[in-house]
Amino acid sequence: MDTVAPFLILLAIAALFWLAIIRPQQRRQQTMRRMQTDLSMGDEVMLTSGIIGVLRSLDEETVQIEVSEGVTFRVVRGAVGQVRTPAARDENTEPAADAAAEPEEN
């Protein structure tokens, strides 16, 4: 039993490492891959570099993103980091109605 205890401790440490670090990273990668394969024309997306635009064309490996009227970028699907929905964007960018921010006029 004295020779098995150190082996069991190492096995337990390896299992905790897998549960705490490797498995969550695998789930994040799977979610990112699913999002990148489910892209559709007209989606507003943000690239991993922070550039925001609207998808104008798609193929197997690349997408074309319009960042301004008449200006498009061709990037690989892996560069898309987030799909921004209009509802989520409006909630995050809408200014709060704060009495201190806008003084009342008398």
Protein backbone atom coordinates (compact mmCIF):
# COMPACT_ATOMS: atom_id res chain seq x y z
CA MET A 1 0.00 0.00 0.00
CA ASP A 2 2.98 2.33 0.58
CA THR A 3 3.96 2.16 -3.09
CA VAL A 4 0.45 2.85 -4.37
CA ALA A 5 -0.26 6.03 -2.33
CA PRO A 6 2.14 8.34 -4.24
CA PHE A 7 0.76 7.04 -7.53
CA LEU A 8 -2.82 7.76 -6.40
CA ILE A 9 -1.86 11.28 -5.32
CA LEU A 10 -0.28 11.99 -8.72
CA LEU A 11 -3.35 10.57 -10.45
CA ALA A 12 -5.64 12.79 -8.34
CA ILE A 13 -3.55 15.88 -9.17
CA ALA A 14 -3.69 15.05 -12.89
CA ALA A 15 -7.47 14.61 -12.70
CA LEU A 16 -7.91 17.97 -10.93
CA PHE A 17 -5.67 19.65 -13.50
CA TRP A 18 -7.77 18.21 -16.33
CA LEU A 19 -11.06 19.26 -14.68
CA ALA A 20 -9.89 22.75 -13.76
CA ILE A 21 -7.93 23.79 -16.85
CA ILE A 22 -8.14 21.53 -19.88
CA ARG A 23 -11.87 20.70 -19.95
CA PRO A 24 -13.12 24.34 -19.70
CA GLN A 25 -10.72 25.36 -22.49
CA GLN A 26 -12.06 22.56 -24.70
CA ARG A 27 -15.62 23.78 -24.10
CA ARG A 28 -14.68 27.37 -25.00
CA GLN A 29 -13.03 26.19 -28.22
CA GLN A 30 -16.06 24.08 -29.12
CA THR A 31 -18.40 27.04 -28.53
CA MET A 32 -16.19 29.30 -30.67
CA ARG A 33 -16.08 26.75 -33.52
CA ARG A 34 -19.87 26.37 -33.40
CA MET A 35 -20.34 30.16 -33.55
CA GLN A 36 -17.94 30.46 -36.50
CA THR A 37 -19.70 27.72 -38.48
CA ASP A 38 -23.17 29.18 -37.78
CA LEU A 39 -22.38 32.60 -39.27
CA SER A 40 -24.90 33.96 -41.76
CA MET A 41 -25.10 36.89 -44.16
CA GLY A 42 -26.01 40.17 -42.49
CA ASP A 43 -24.67 39.25 -39.04
CA GLU A 44 -22.81 42.02 -37.29
CA VAL A 45 -19.54 40.54 -36.05
CA MET A 46 -16.46 41.62 -34.18
CA LEU A 47 -13.11 40.22 -35.24
CA THR A 48 -10.57 39.11 -32.65
CA SER A 49 -8.65 42.31 -33.50
CA GLY A 50 -11.65 44.43 -32.46
CA ILE A 51 -12.84 45.44 -35.94
CA ILE A 52 -16.64 45.47 -36.20
CA GLY A 53 -18.51 44.94 -39.44
CA VAL A 54 -21.37 43.21 -41.24
CA LEU A 55 -20.94 39.89 -43.07
CA ARG A 56 -21.48 40.32 -46.81
CA SER A 57 -20.30 36.96 -48.19
CA LEU A 58 -19.30 33.58 -46.84
CA ASP A 59 -17.47 30.55 -48.13
CA GLU A 60 -15.94 27.51 -46.45
CA GLU A 61 -12.81 29.19 -45.07
CA THR A 62 -13.25 32.96 -45.44
CA VAL A 63 -15.82 35.70 -44.91
CA GLN A 64 -16.10 39.21 -46.31
CA ILE A 65 -16.91 41.87 -43.75
CA GLU A 66 -18.12 45.34 -44.68
CA VAL A 67 -16.72 47.82 -42.16
CA SER A 68 -17.92 50.96 -43.91
CA GLU A 69 -20.02 51.56 -46.98
CA GLY A 70 -18.03 50.14 -49.89
CA VAL A 71 -15.10 48.98 -47.70
CA THR A 72 -14.83 45.21 -47.20
CA PHE A 73 -12.22 42.95 -45.63
CA ARG A 74 -11.70 39.32 -46.52
CA VAL A 75 -10.68 37.33 -43.44
CA VAL A 76 -10.62 33.70 -42.35
CA ARG A 77 -13.57 32.49 -40.30
CA GLY A 78 -11.25 31.93 -37.33
CA ALA A 79 -10.76 35.69 -37.07
CA VAL A 80 -14.42 36.17 -36.10
CA GLY A 81 -14.45 36.42 -32.33
CA GLN A 82 -18.02 37.41 -31.58
CA VAL A 83 -21.42 37.81 -33.23
CA ARG A 84 -22.95 41.06 -32.03
CA THR A 85 -26.72 41.10 -32.04
CA PRO A 86 -28.50 44.45 -32.32
CA ALA A 87 -30.39 43.87 -29.03
CA ALA A 88 -27.19 43.17 -27.05
CA ARG A 89 -25.42 46.14 -28.65
CA ASP A 90 -28.27 48.52 -27.77
CA GLU A 91 -28.29 47.42 -24.13
CA ASN A 92 -24.54 47.97 -23.75
CA THR A 93 -24.28 51.31 -25.55
CA GLU A 94 -27.49 53.00 -24.48
CA PRO A 95 -26.69 55.95 -22.19
CA ALA A 96 -28.15 55.76 -18.73
CA ALA A 97 -30.69 58.37 -17.76
CA ASP A 98 -28.84 59.99 -14.90
CA ALA A 99 -29.86 63.25 -13.26
CA ALA A 100 -26.19 64.15 -12.63
CA ALA A 101 -25.32 63.66 -16.30
CA GLU A 102 -27.93 66.08 -17.62
CA PRO A 103 -28.62 69.17 -15.53
CA GLU A 104 -32.18 70.45 -15.65
CA GLU A 105 -32.86 73.84 -17.15
CA ASN A 106 -35.24 76.17 -15.29
